C-alpha atoms as a PDB file:
ATOM      1  CA  MET A   1     -16.526 -19.190   1.467  1.00  0.00           C
ATOM      2  CA  SER A   2     -17.477 -22.202   3.588  1.00  0.00           C
ATOM      3  CA  ASP A   3     -13.917 -23.276   4.400  1.00  0.00           C
ATOM      4  CA  CYS A   4     -12.496 -19.805   5.177  1.00  0.00           C
ATOM      5  CA  VAL A   5     -11.678 -19.396   8.871  1.00  0.00           C
ATOM      6  CA  PHE A   6     -12.178 -15.576   8.710  1.00  0.00           C
ATOM      7  CA  CYS A   7     -15.558 -15.948   6.976  1.00  0.00           C
ATOM      8  CA  LYS A   8     -16.496 -18.256   9.877  1.00  0.00           C
ATOM      9  CA  ILE A   9     -15.397 -15.581  12.336  1.00  0.00           C
ATOM     10  CA  VAL A  10     -17.503 -13.036  10.483  1.00  0.00           C
ATOM     11  CA  ASP A  11     -20.581 -15.262  10.577  1.00  0.00           C
ATOM     12  CA  GLY A  12     -20.018 -16.084  14.280  1.00  0.00           C
ATOM     13  CA  SER A  13     -19.461 -19.807  13.916  1.00  0.00           C
ATOM     14  CA  ILE A  14     -15.897 -19.321  15.229  1.00  0.00           C
ATOM     15  CA  PRO A  15     -15.601 -16.960  18.224  1.00  0.00           C
ATOM     16  CA  SER A  16     -13.217 -14.042  18.335  1.00  0.00           C
ATOM     17  CA  LYS A  17     -12.352 -11.314  20.788  1.00  0.00           C
ATOM     18  CA  LYS A  18     -13.764  -8.362  18.850  1.00  0.00           C
ATOM     19  CA  VAL A  19     -12.366  -4.875  19.177  1.00  0.00           C
ATOM     20  CA  TYR A  20     -14.535  -3.205  16.494  1.00  0.00           C
ATOM     21  CA  GLU A  21     -17.322  -4.163  14.124  1.00  0.00           C
ATOM     22  CA  ASP A  22     -19.560  -2.388  11.639  1.00  0.00           C
ATOM     23  CA  ASP A  23     -21.502  -3.483   8.556  1.00  0.00           C
ATOM     24  CA  THR A  24     -18.352  -3.669   6.436  1.00  0.00           C
ATOM     25  CA  ILE A  25     -15.428  -4.743   8.616  1.00  0.00           C
ATOM     26  CA  LEU A  26     -14.480  -6.680  11.729  1.00  0.00           C
ATOM     27  CA  ALA A  27     -11.449  -6.144  13.955  1.00  0.00           C
ATOM     28  CA  PHE A  28     -10.348  -8.710  16.557  1.00  0.00           C
ATOM     29  CA  TYR A  29      -7.328  -9.656  18.601  1.00  0.00           C
ATOM     30  CA  ASP A  30      -4.736 -11.967  17.056  1.00  0.00           C
ATOM     31  CA  LEU A  31      -4.592 -15.416  18.760  1.00  0.00           C
ATOM     32  CA  GLU A  32      -0.770 -15.356  18.644  1.00  0.00           C
ATOM     33  CA  PRO A  33       0.113 -11.750  19.336  1.00  0.00           C
ATOM     34  CA  GLN A  34       3.527 -10.512  18.262  1.00  0.00           C
ATOM     35  CA  ALA A  35       3.297  -7.214  20.120  1.00  0.00           C
ATOM     36  CA  PRO A  36       1.541  -6.014  23.298  1.00  0.00           C
ATOM     37  CA  VAL A  37      -1.352  -4.861  21.077  1.00  0.00           C
ATOM     38  CA  HIS A  38      -1.935  -7.015  18.026  1.00  0.00           C
ATOM     39  CA  PHE A  39      -5.288  -7.097  16.242  1.00  0.00           C
ATOM     40  CA  LEU A  40      -6.516  -7.928  12.771  1.00  0.00           C
ATOM     41  CA  VAL A  41      -8.858  -5.956  10.613  1.00  0.00           C
ATOM     42  CA  ILE A  42     -10.756  -7.836   7.898  1.00  0.00           C
ATOM     43  CA  PRO A  43     -13.445  -7.031   5.409  1.00  0.00           C
ATOM     44  CA  LYS A  44     -16.653  -8.951   6.034  1.00  0.00           C
ATOM     45  CA  GLN A  45     -16.820  -9.533   2.258  1.00  0.00           C
ATOM     46  CA  HIS A  46     -14.462 -12.364   1.219  1.00  0.00           C
ATOM     47  CA  ILE A  47     -11.541 -10.793  -0.660  1.00  0.00           C
ATOM     48  CA  ALA A  48      -8.626 -13.232  -0.847  1.00  0.00           C
ATOM     49  CA  ASN A  49      -5.761 -10.766  -0.824  1.00  0.00           C
ATOM     50  CA  VAL A  50      -4.352  -7.534  -2.320  1.00  0.00           C
ATOM     51  CA  ASP A  51      -4.361  -9.111  -5.785  1.00  0.00           C
ATOM     52  CA  GLU A  52      -8.157  -9.159  -5.671  1.00  0.00           C
ATOM     53  CA  ILE A  53      -8.627  -5.453  -4.947  1.00  0.00           C
ATOM     54  CA  ASN A  54     -10.511  -3.824  -7.836  1.00  0.00           C
ATOM     55  CA  GLU A  55     -12.784  -0.881  -8.512  1.00  0.00           C
ATOM     56  CA  GLY A  56     -15.742  -2.845  -7.205  1.00  0.00           C
ATOM     57  CA  ASN A  57     -14.276  -3.412  -3.728  1.00  0.00           C
ATOM     58  CA  ALA A  58     -11.682  -0.692  -3.226  1.00  0.00           C
ATOM     59  CA  ASP A  59     -14.166   1.257  -1.138  1.00  0.00           C
ATOM     60  CA  VAL A  60     -14.038  -1.600   1.461  1.00  0.00           C
ATOM     61  CA  ILE A  61     -10.251  -1.298   1.711  1.00  0.00           C
ATOM     62  CA  ALA A  62     -10.501   2.508   1.979  1.00  0.00           C
ATOM     63  CA  HIS A  63     -13.013   2.037   4.803  1.00  0.00           C
ATOM     64  CA  ILE A  64     -10.568  -0.217   6.633  1.00  0.00           C
ATOM     65  CA  PHE A  65      -7.896   2.425   6.440  1.00  0.00           C
ATOM     66  CA  THR A  66     -10.214   5.125   7.749  1.00  0.00           C
ATOM     67  CA  LYS A  67     -11.126   2.946  10.761  1.00  0.00           C
ATOM     68  CA  ILE A  68      -7.661   1.610  11.685  1.00  0.00           C
ATOM     69  CA  PRO A  69      -6.523   4.951  13.251  1.00  0.00           C
ATOM     70  CA  GLN A  70      -9.703   5.151  15.335  1.00  0.00           C
ATOM     71  CA  ILE A  71      -9.400   1.547  16.518  1.00  0.00           C
ATOM     72  CA  ALA A  72      -5.703   1.907  17.263  1.00  0.00           C
ATOM     73  CA  LYS A  73      -6.327   5.058  19.325  1.00  0.00           C
ATOM     74  CA  SER A  74      -9.126   3.364  21.241  1.00  0.00           C
ATOM     75  CA  LEU A  75      -6.621   0.639  22.220  1.00  0.00           C
ATOM     76  CA  GLY A  76      -4.069   3.129  23.415  1.00  0.00           C
ATOM     77  CA  LEU A  77      -1.779   3.165  20.358  1.00  0.00           C
ATOM     78  CA  THR A  78      -0.943   6.875  20.451  1.00  0.00           C
ATOM     79  CA  ASN A  79       2.796   6.647  19.756  1.00  0.00           C
ATOM     80  CA  GLY A  80       2.588   4.742  16.542  1.00  0.00           C
ATOM     81  CA  TYR A  81       1.916   1.274  15.225  1.00  0.00           C
ATOM     82  CA  ARG A  82       2.626  -0.981  12.262  1.00  0.00           C
ATOM     83  CA  ILE A  83       0.159  -2.234   9.656  1.00  0.00           C
ATOM     84  CA  VAL A  84       1.141  -5.458   7.819  1.00  0.00           C
ATOM     85  CA  THR A  85      -0.590  -7.511   5.158  1.00  0.00           C
ATOM     86  CA  ASN A  86       0.807 -10.534   3.377  1.00  0.00           C
ATOM     87  CA  CYS A  87      -0.121 -11.465  -0.184  1.00  0.00           C
ATOM     88  CA  GLY A  88       0.155 -14.974  -1.580  1.00  0.00           C
ATOM     89  CA  LYS A  89       2.174 -17.987  -0.681  1.00  0.00           C
ATOM     90  CA  GLU A  90       5.605 -16.415  -1.146  1.00  0.00           C
ATOM     91  CA  GLY A  91       4.428 -13.409   0.851  1.00  0.00           C
ATOM     92  CA  CYS A  92       3.677 -15.739   3.764  1.00  0.00           C
ATOM     93  CA  GLN A  93      -0.109 -15.348   3.611  1.00  0.00           C
ATOM     94  CA  SER A  94      -1.560 -18.111   5.791  1.00  0.00           C
ATOM     95  CA  VAL A  95      -5.224 -17.265   5.635  1.00  0.00           C
ATOM     96  CA  PHE A  96      -6.510 -16.378   2.175  1.00  0.00           C
ATOM     97  CA  HIS A  97      -8.959 -13.730   3.302  1.00  0.00           C
ATOM     98  CA  MET A  98      -7.615 -10.165   3.177  1.00  0.00           C
ATOM     99  CA  HIS A  99      -6.463  -9.065   6.588  1.00  0.00           C
ATOM    100  CA  PHE A 100      -4.350  -6.354   8.079  1.00  0.00           C
ATOM    101  CA  HIS A 101      -2.306  -6.910  11.197  1.00  0.00           C
ATOM    102  CA  VAL A 102      -2.033  -3.834  13.418  1.00  0.00           C
ATOM    103  CA  LEU A 103       0.805  -4.093  15.924  1.00  0.00           C
ATOM    104  CA  GLY A 104       1.961  -1.678  18.599  1.00  0.00           C
ATOM    105  CA  GLY A 105       2.222  -0.898  22.254  1.00  0.00           C
ATOM    106  CA  THR A 106       5.999  -1.015  22.343  1.00  0.00           C
ATOM    107  CA  GLN A 107       8.996   0.065  20.243  1.00  0.00           C
ATOM    108  CA  LEU A 108       8.835  -2.331  17.330  1.00  0.00           C
ATOM    109  CA  ASN A 109      11.816  -3.878  15.656  1.00  0.00           C
ATOM    110  CA  GLY A 110      12.983  -1.779  12.710  1.00  0.00           C
ATOM    111  CA  ARG A 111      13.410  -4.865  10.453  1.00  0.00           C
ATOM    112  CA  MET A 112      10.592  -5.753   8.117  1.00  0.00           C
ATOM    113  CA  ALA A 113      11.672  -9.283   7.461  1.00  0.00           C
END
């Protein structure tokens, strides 16, 4: 999608501080970190949000979840971390390209909201 900021990060027209990349996904540091370690993991394929997961793209999401533990460990997250995704306007999704926030590096607040 030509107006999607994450698609522009994937194609390199917007720079990012990458922590992992393969043919399917990209992980990069969040510009406004909310924890000592805060990175995003996105599919390179444009999937707007959880509502668009289907049998044709579920393998991409599964791939993300097999890679998150490896990326987290490589960044020193050995005592736990949080994975967050927002879905839709009322879920506070601000970029409509599926993304998972991975936060850690400290004792996180127990509240989810």
